[in-house]
Amino acid sequence: MKQKKNKIFIHSNLKRFDVLIPNQVIISKRLGISQSYVSLILSGKRHSKKYEPRINNLIKKAAEELRAA
């Protein structure tokens, strides 16, 4: 699957913690936090009231774009 710049692509069957590493990098750049912190949040090893909703919204928007395409 080709990745376009600054777009998050996920497979419709993937769960929250299955977000691909390149997508984690894009999420971290958009939110201004480290990629390892994004990975910890997605895996459930870390919790953040500030960033969890933002990350979930980015993933939901990407999934909606994927379904619309």
N, C-alpha and C. Protein backbone atom coordinates (compact mmCIF):
# COMPACT_ATOMS: atom_id res chain seq x y z
N MET A 1 0.85 -1.17 0.00
CA MET A 1 0.00 0.00 0.00
C MET A 1 0.90 1.24 0.00
N LYS A 2 0.67 2.13 -0.94
CA LYS A 2 1.46 3.35 -1.01
C LYS A 2 0.99 4.33 0.06
N GLN A 3 1.94 5.07 0.60
CA GLN A 3 1.60 6.07 1.60
C GLN A 3 1.86 7.45 1.03
N LYS A 4 0.87 8.31 1.14
CA LYS A 4 1.04 9.69 0.70
C LYS A 4 1.50 10.51 1.89
N LYS A 5 2.14 11.61 1.61
CA LYS A 5 2.69 12.44 2.67
C LYS A 5 1.58 13.00 3.56
N ASN A 6 1.78 12.91 4.87
CA ASN A 6 0.88 13.45 5.89
C ASN A 6 -0.52 12.84 5.87
N LYS A 7 -0.66 11.67 5.32
CA LYS A 7 -1.95 10.97 5.36
C LYS A 7 -1.76 9.68 6.12
N ILE A 8 -2.74 9.36 6.95
CA ILE A 8 -2.69 8.14 7.74
C ILE A 8 -3.51 7.08 7.03
N PHE A 9 -2.89 5.96 6.72
CA PHE A 9 -3.59 4.86 6.07
C PHE A 9 -3.62 3.67 7.01
N ILE A 10 -4.81 3.16 7.29
CA ILE A 10 -4.95 1.96 8.10
C ILE A 10 -5.91 1.01 7.41
N HIS A 11 -5.71 -0.25 7.64
CA HIS A 11 -6.62 -1.25 7.10
C HIS A 11 -7.88 -1.25 7.94
N SER A 12 -9.01 -1.41 7.32
CA SER A 12 -10.28 -1.29 8.04
C SER A 12 -10.45 -2.35 9.14
N ASN A 13 -9.72 -3.46 9.05
CA ASN A 13 -9.85 -4.51 10.06
C ASN A 13 -8.89 -4.35 11.23
N LEU A 14 -7.99 -3.37 11.16
CA LEU A 14 -7.00 -3.21 12.22
C LEU A 14 -7.63 -2.62 13.47
N LYS A 15 -7.11 -3.02 14.60
CA LYS A 15 -7.57 -2.47 15.86
C LYS A 15 -6.70 -1.27 16.23
N ARG A 16 -7.04 -0.63 17.31
CA ARG A 16 -6.39 0.60 17.73
C ARG A 16 -4.87 0.45 17.87
N PHE A 17 -4.41 -0.66 18.45
CA PHE A 17 -2.98 -0.85 18.71
C PHE A 17 -2.24 -1.40 17.50
N ASP A 18 -2.93 -1.70 16.41
CA ASP A 18 -2.29 -2.24 15.22
C ASP A 18 -1.91 -1.17 14.21
N VAL A 19 -1.91 0.09 14.61
CA VAL A 19 -1.57 1.18 13.69
C VAL A 19 -0.12 1.00 13.25
N LEU A 20 0.12 1.11 11.97
CA LEU A 20 1.45 0.86 11.42
C LEU A 20 2.45 1.91 11.90
N ILE A 21 3.72 1.51 11.96
CA ILE A 21 4.78 2.39 12.47
C ILE A 21 4.87 3.70 11.68
N PRO A 22 4.84 3.70 10.33
CA PRO A 22 4.88 4.99 9.61
C PRO A 22 3.72 5.90 10.01
N ASN A 23 2.56 5.30 10.29
CA ASN A 23 1.42 6.10 10.72
C ASN A 23 1.64 6.66 12.11
N GLN A 24 2.32 5.91 12.97
CA GLN A 24 2.64 6.41 14.30
C GLN A 24 3.55 7.63 14.20
N VAL A 25 4.45 7.61 13.25
CA VAL A 25 5.35 8.75 13.04
C VAL A 25 4.54 9.97 12.59
N ILE A 26 3.59 9.77 11.69
CA ILE A 26 2.74 10.87 11.22
C ILE A 26 1.91 11.43 12.37
N ILE A 27 1.34 10.55 13.18
CA ILE A 27 0.55 10.99 14.33
C ILE A 27 1.42 11.79 15.29
N SER A 28 2.63 11.31 15.55
CA SER A 28 3.50 12.01 16.49
C SER A 28 3.89 13.38 15.96
N LYS A 29 4.11 13.50 14.65
CA LYS A 29 4.45 14.80 14.08
C LYS A 29 3.27 15.76 14.14
N ARG A 30 2.07 15.26 13.90
CA ARG A 30 0.89 16.12 13.96
C ARG A 30 0.62 16.63 15.36
N LEU A 31 0.88 15.80 16.37
CA LEU A 31 0.59 16.17 17.75
C LEU A 31 1.79 16.79 18.46
N GLY A 32 2.98 16.68 17.87
CA GLY A 32 4.17 17.26 18.47
C GLY A 32 4.69 16.46 19.66
N ILE A 33 4.49 15.14 19.63
CA ILE A 33 5.01 14.28 20.70
C ILE A 33 5.86 13.18 20.07
N SER A 34 6.61 12.45 20.90
CA SER A 34 7.51 11.44 20.36
C SER A 34 6.74 10.22 19.86
N GLN A 35 7.36 9.53 18.90
CA GLN A 35 6.74 8.35 18.31
C GLN A 35 6.65 7.23 19.34
N SER A 36 7.62 7.14 20.23
CA SER A 36 7.58 6.09 21.25
C SER A 36 6.43 6.31 22.22
N TYR A 37 6.12 7.58 22.52
CA TYR A 37 5.00 7.90 23.41
C TYR A 37 3.68 7.53 22.73
N VAL A 38 3.57 7.80 21.43
CA VAL A 38 2.37 7.41 20.67
C VAL A 38 2.22 5.89 20.71
N SER A 39 3.32 5.18 20.53
CA SER A 39 3.30 3.73 20.55
C SER A 39 2.83 3.20 21.91
N LEU A 40 3.32 3.81 23.00
CA LEU A 40 2.90 3.39 24.34
C LEU A 40 1.42 3.65 24.57
N ILE A 41 0.93 4.78 24.10
CA ILE A 41 -0.50 5.11 24.26
C ILE A 41 -1.36 4.12 23.48
N LEU A 42 -0.96 3.82 22.24
CA LEU A 42 -1.74 2.90 21.41
C LEU A 42 -1.72 1.48 21.96
N SER A 43 -0.63 1.08 22.59
CA SER A 43 -0.55 -0.28 23.12
C SER A 43 -1.27 -0.42 24.46
N GLY A 44 -1.62 0.70 25.07
CA GLY A 44 -2.33 0.66 26.34
C GLY A 44 -1.42 0.65 27.55
N LYS A 45 -0.11 0.77 27.33
CA LYS A 45 0.84 0.78 28.44
C LYS A 45 0.93 2.14 29.11
N ARG A 46 0.39 3.14 28.42
CA ARG A 46 0.42 4.51 28.94
C ARG A 46 -0.94 5.13 28.67
N HIS A 47 -1.37 6.04 29.52
CA HIS A 47 -2.65 6.70 29.33
C HIS A 47 -2.46 8.21 29.39
N SER A 48 -3.19 8.92 28.55
CA SER A 48 -3.10 10.37 28.50
C SER A 48 -4.48 10.93 28.16
N LYS A 49 -5.06 11.67 29.09
CA LYS A 49 -6.37 12.28 28.83
C LYS A 49 -6.27 13.32 27.73
N LYS A 50 -5.10 13.91 27.57
CA LYS A 50 -4.91 14.97 26.58
C LYS A 50 -4.77 14.39 25.16
N TYR A 51 -3.94 13.34 25.02
CA TYR A 51 -3.60 12.86 23.68
C TYR A 51 -4.44 11.68 23.19
N GLU A 52 -5.00 10.87 24.07
CA GLU A 52 -5.77 9.71 23.62
C GLU A 52 -6.95 10.10 22.72
N PRO A 53 -7.76 11.10 23.10
CA PRO A 53 -8.87 11.49 22.20
C PRO A 53 -8.37 12.02 20.86
N ARG A 54 -7.28 12.76 20.88
CA ARG A 54 -6.74 13.30 19.62
C ARG A 54 -6.26 12.19 18.70
N ILE A 55 -5.56 11.22 19.27
CA ILE A 55 -5.08 10.08 18.48
C ILE A 55 -6.25 9.28 17.93
N ASN A 56 -7.24 9.03 18.77
CA ASN A 56 -8.43 8.29 18.32
C ASN A 56 -9.14 9.02 17.20
N ASN A 57 -9.24 10.34 17.29
CA ASN A 57 -9.89 11.12 16.23
C ASN A 57 -9.12 11.03 14.93
N LEU A 58 -7.79 11.10 14.99
CA LEU A 58 -6.98 10.98 13.78
C LEU A 58 -7.18 9.62 13.13
N ILE A 59 -7.23 8.57 13.94
CA ILE A 59 -7.41 7.21 13.42
C ILE A 59 -8.81 7.05 12.82
N LYS A 60 -9.82 7.59 13.49
CA LYS A 60 -11.19 7.49 12.97
C LYS A 60 -11.34 8.23 11.65
N LYS A 61 -10.74 9.42 11.54
CA LYS A 61 -10.81 10.17 10.29
C LYS A 61 -10.13 9.41 9.16
N ALA A 62 -8.98 8.79 9.46
CA ALA A 62 -8.27 8.02 8.45
C ALA A 62 -9.09 6.81 8.02
N ALA A 63 -9.76 6.16 8.97
CA ALA A 63 -10.59 5.00 8.64
C ALA A 63 -11.79 5.42 7.78
N GLU A 64 -12.38 6.57 8.09
CA GLU A 64 -13.51 7.07 7.29
C GLU A 64 -13.06 7.40 5.87
N GLU A 65 -11.88 8.01 5.73
CA GLU A 65 -11.35 8.32 4.40
C GLU A 65 -11.10 7.03 3.63
N LEU A 66 -10.62 6.01 4.33
CA LEU A 66 -10.33 4.73 3.68
C LEU A 66 -11.61 4.07 3.19
N ARG A 67 -12.65 4.12 4.00
CA ARG A 67 -13.93 3.53 3.61
C ARG A 67 -14.58 4.30 2.47
N ALA A 68 -14.39 5.62 2.46
CA ALA A 68 -14.99 6.46 1.42
C ALA A 68 -14.30 6.26 0.08
N ALA A 69 -13.04 5.88 0.10
CA ALA A 69 -12.27 5.74 -1.15
C ALA A 69 -12.62 4.48 -1.90
